[in-house]
Amino acid sequence: MQDKIGTVAGAIWNALNTKGALSLAQLKRVVDKKTPLFDWAVGWLAREDRILITPEKRSFRIQLKDTQTKAASTA
């Protein structure tokens, strides 16, 4: 099961690295994974201190903590 979660976490990281910060709903659409794997993968990345989760209206905005990402370097 950890392999599946790790694969989804990698897809989330790649999406955030390419597109920059996304709302939780946008990220879920981009990654196209269903819960609970998606939720576990977000939790994994948060526990590994790889992402920032910021409250936003009725949702959350997710972004990578690493400032050396593709999205950050092109902005």
Foldseek 3Di string as FASTA:
>chain_A
DVVLLVVLLVLLQVCCLVPNKDWPVVSCVSSVDDPPSNVVSVVVCVVVVQWDWADDDPTIIIHGPDCPGNVNVVD
